[in-house]
Amino acid sequence: MFPDWIIDVLFWIAVVFLVGVYVSWRATRLDRLHVRVETARAALDAALVRRAAVALEMAASRQLDPATSLVLATAAHEARTADADGREFAESDLSRALRAVVDQPDFTETLKVKGDGQPVLDEMASAAAKVVYARRFYNDAVSAARIARRKLLIRVLPLAGRAPLPGFFEIDDDPPEALRG
């Protein structure tokens, strides 16, 4: 019916089409993973800023002694103003300062007795928990993007474009013991 060369050409056209569809699918998936990383990073940044703001609010509430307020305010200020290279260290320092302040003996009971202490503690517990979840979600997104970028097809064809390899965000984000649960 058809000459053999037409069947061969149609076969190769179909193969090229299927390979093109597959490469396009992989590129789209990689792009979606990069968007997911960027979105997760924005959520993590918002959670970190919120935690620092609540820590500053707690420090300025006049419900803490001056030394404790100074330690907490300094750590929160450093976390908010840190550059990209020092952000992980500053955020870890804020976590340690929060644990040092909130996990003092009878701290939560003393703060609750002083009137406006309970809402601040509730807000801090919420902010600290959101940091833990946001960091975990971000690191999961980074892990998925890194796994996808290790695939041979992605490395052979420059499907990642000029997008930098996303990095993990590793901080000490354990909330104070008194705020867990």
Protein backbone atom coordinates (compact mmCIF):
# COMPACT_ATOMS: atom_id res chain seq x y z
CA MET A 1 0.00 0.00 0.00
CA PHE A 2 2.58 2.63 1.10
CA PRO A 3 6.22 2.47 0.12
CA ASP A 4 8.58 1.34 2.88
CA TRP A 5 10.37 4.67 3.08
CA ILE A 6 7.09 6.50 3.94
CA ILE A 7 6.44 4.06 6.78
CA ASP A 8 10.00 4.58 8.02
CA VAL A 9 9.61 8.37 7.91
CA LEU A 10 6.27 8.21 9.72
CA PHE A 11 7.81 5.93 12.36
CA TRP A 12 10.70 8.35 12.99
CA ILE A 13 8.37 11.32 13.08
CA ALA A 14 6.29 9.52 15.73
CA VAL A 15 9.44 8.68 17.75
CA VAL A 16 10.69 12.28 17.60
CA PHE A 17 7.24 13.54 18.58
CA LEU A 18 7.05 11.20 21.60
CA VAL A 19 10.58 12.12 22.72
CA GLY A 20 9.66 15.80 22.39
CA VAL A 21 6.53 15.30 24.47
CA TYR A 22 8.54 13.48 27.15
CA VAL A 23 11.27 16.16 27.27
CA SER A 24 8.63 18.88 27.46
CA TRP A 25 6.89 17.04 30.30
CA ARG A 26 10.16 16.73 32.24
CA ALA A 27 10.97 20.41 31.71
CA THR A 28 7.50 21.44 32.88
CA ARG A 29 7.79 19.23 35.95
CA LEU A 30 11.17 20.73 36.81
CA ASP A 31 9.76 24.22 36.39
CA ARG A 32 6.86 23.38 38.72
CA LEU A 33 9.32 22.06 41.29
CA HIS A 34 11.30 25.29 41.12
CA VAL A 35 8.11 27.32 41.57
CA ARG A 36 7.25 25.13 44.55
CA VAL A 37 10.69 25.83 46.07
CA GLU A 38 10.25 29.58 45.59
CA THR A 39 6.77 29.52 47.11
CA ALA A 40 7.94 27.45 50.05
CA ARG A 41 10.87 29.84 50.59
CA ALA A 42 8.48 32.80 50.67
CA ALA A 43 6.33 31.01 53.25
CA LEU A 44 9.41 30.16 55.31
CA ASP A 45 10.60 33.78 55.20
CA ALA A 46 7.16 34.97 56.32
CA ALA A 47 7.11 32.48 59.21
CA LEU A 48 10.61 33.52 60.32
CA VAL A 49 9.72 37.22 60.17
CA ARG A 50 6.53 36.55 62.15
CA ARG A 51 8.45 34.64 64.83
CA ALA A 52 10.98 37.47 65.15
CA ALA A 53 8.16 40.03 65.35
CA VAL A 54 6.44 38.09 68.13
CA ALA A 55 9.75 37.78 69.97
CA LEU A 56 10.23 41.55 69.71
CA GLU A 57 6.67 42.07 70.90
CA MET A 58 7.33 39.80 73.87
CA ALA A 59 10.56 41.64 74.66
CA ALA A 60 8.83 45.02 74.49
CA SER A 61 5.80 43.95 76.52
CA ARG A 62 7.30 45.10 79.86
CA GLN A 63 6.36 41.74 81.28
CA LEU A 64 9.94 40.46 81.26
CA ASP A 65 12.85 41.59 83.33
CA PRO A 66 15.22 44.01 81.54
CA ALA A 67 18.03 41.49 80.99
CA THR A 68 15.69 38.89 79.49
CA SER A 69 14.06 41.53 77.30
CA LEU A 70 17.46 42.65 76.05
CA VAL A 71 18.59 39.11 75.19
CA LEU A 72 15.35 38.35 73.36
CA ALA A 73 15.21 41.70 71.54
CA THR A 74 18.82 41.42 70.41
CA ALA A 75 18.36 37.90 69.05
CA ALA A 76 15.12 38.89 67.28
CA HIS A 77 16.70 42.01 65.79
CA GLU A 78 19.70 40.03 64.54
CA ALA A 79 17.37 37.46 62.95
CA ARG A 80 15.36 40.16 61.17
CA THR A 81 18.38 42.07 59.84
CA ALA A 82 20.71 39.19 58.98
CA ASP A 83 22.00 38.93 55.42
CA ALA A 84 21.54 35.78 53.35
CA ASP A 85 24.83 34.25 54.49
CA GLY A 86 24.19 34.76 58.21
CA ARG A 87 20.45 34.14 58.27
CA GLU A 88 20.62 30.50 59.34
CA PHE A 89 22.93 31.32 62.24
CA ALA A 90 20.84 34.30 63.36
CA GLU A 91 17.62 32.27 63.24
CA SER A 92 19.26 29.46 65.22
CA ASP A 93 20.40 32.02 67.79
CA LEU A 94 16.83 33.30 68.08
CA SER A 95 15.59 29.74 68.67
CA ARG A 96 18.17 29.25 71.42
CA ALA A 97 17.30 32.62 72.98
CA LEU A 98 13.60 31.75 72.96
CA ARG A 99 14.30 28.43 74.66
CA ALA A 100 16.54 30.13 77.23
CA VAL A 101 13.85 32.71 78.01
CA VAL A 102 10.64 30.70 77.86
CA ASP A 103 12.00 27.53 79.47
CA GLN A 104 13.06 29.35 82.64
CA PRO A 105 11.46 27.86 85.75
CA ASP A 106 7.96 29.30 86.29
CA PHE A 107 8.30 31.67 83.32
CA THR A 108 4.98 30.81 81.68
CA GLU A 109 3.08 30.89 84.98
CA THR A 110 4.58 34.28 85.85
CA LEU A 111 3.74 35.68 82.42
CA LYS A 112 0.17 34.34 82.57
CA VAL A 113 -0.40 36.03 85.93
CA LYS A 114 0.68 39.42 84.53
CA GLY A 115 -2.49 39.89 82.49
CA ASP A 116 -1.57 40.01 78.81
CA GLY A 117 0.92 37.15 79.03
CA GLN A 118 -1.25 34.32 77.75
CA PRO A 119 -2.01 35.83 74.31
CA VAL A 120 1.68 36.54 73.76
CA LEU A 121 2.58 32.97 74.72
CA ASP A 122 -0.12 31.58 72.42
CA GLU A 123 1.11 33.74 69.56
CA MET A 124 4.72 32.67 70.17
CA ALA A 125 3.71 29.00 70.25
CA SER A 126 1.87 29.42 66.94
CA ALA A 127 4.75 31.32 65.31
CA ALA A 128 7.34 28.76 66.48
CA ALA A 129 5.24 25.85 65.18
CA LYS A 130 4.78 27.56 61.81
CA VAL A 131 8.55 27.96 61.46
CA VAL A 132 9.02 24.22 62.03
CA TYR A 133 6.39 23.32 59.43
CA ALA A 134 7.51 25.92 56.88
CA ARG A 135 11.15 24.82 57.11
CA ARG A 136 10.19 21.17 56.74
CA PHE A 137 8.00 21.95 53.71
CA TYR A 138 10.76 24.06 52.13
CA ASN A 139 13.43 21.40 52.64
CA ASP A 140 11.10 18.76 51.17
CA ALA A 141 10.58 20.94 48.09
CA VAL A 142 14.34 21.46 47.77
CA SER A 143 14.94 17.73 48.07
CA ALA A 144 12.40 16.98 45.31
CA ALA A 145 13.95 19.61 43.01
CA ARG A 146 17.47 18.31 43.64
CA ILE A 147 16.40 14.72 42.92
CA ALA A 148 14.76 15.82 39.66
CA ARG A 149 17.87 17.77 38.64
CA ARG A 150 20.08 14.71 39.13
CA LYS A 151 18.28 12.84 36.33
CA LEU A 152 20.41 12.18 33.27
CA LEU A 153 18.02 13.86 30.84
CA ILE A 154 17.98 17.05 32.93
CA ARG A 155 21.77 17.13 33.07
CA VAL A 156 22.35 16.27 29.38
CA LEU A 157 19.80 18.75 28.07
CA PRO A 158 19.93 22.07 29.93
CA LEU A 159 16.31 21.78 31.06
CA ALA A 160 17.00 23.60 34.34
CA GLY A 161 17.98 26.68 32.40
CA ARG A 162 19.82 29.23 34.50
CA ALA A 163 17.99 28.39 37.72
CA PRO A 164 20.44 27.93 40.58
CA LEU A 165 20.45 24.67 42.47
CA PRO A 166 18.25 25.30 45.51
CA GLY A 167 19.88 24.93 48.91
CA PHE A 168 18.49 23.54 52.12
CA PHE A 169 17.69 25.83 55.05
CA GLU A 170 19.12 24.21 58.15
CA ILE A 171 18.44 25.91 61.45
CA ASP A 172 17.85 24.95 65.05
CA ASP A 173 14.09 25.51 65.09
CA ASP A 174 13.09 23.49 68.14
CA PRO A 175 10.44 25.52 69.96
CA PRO A 176 10.71 26.06 73.71
CA GLU A 177 9.55 23.07 75.74
CA ALA A 178 6.88 25.17 77.47
CA LEU A 179 5.28 26.05 74.12
CA ARG A 180 5.09 22.58 72.61
CA GLY A 181 1.82 20.79 72.20
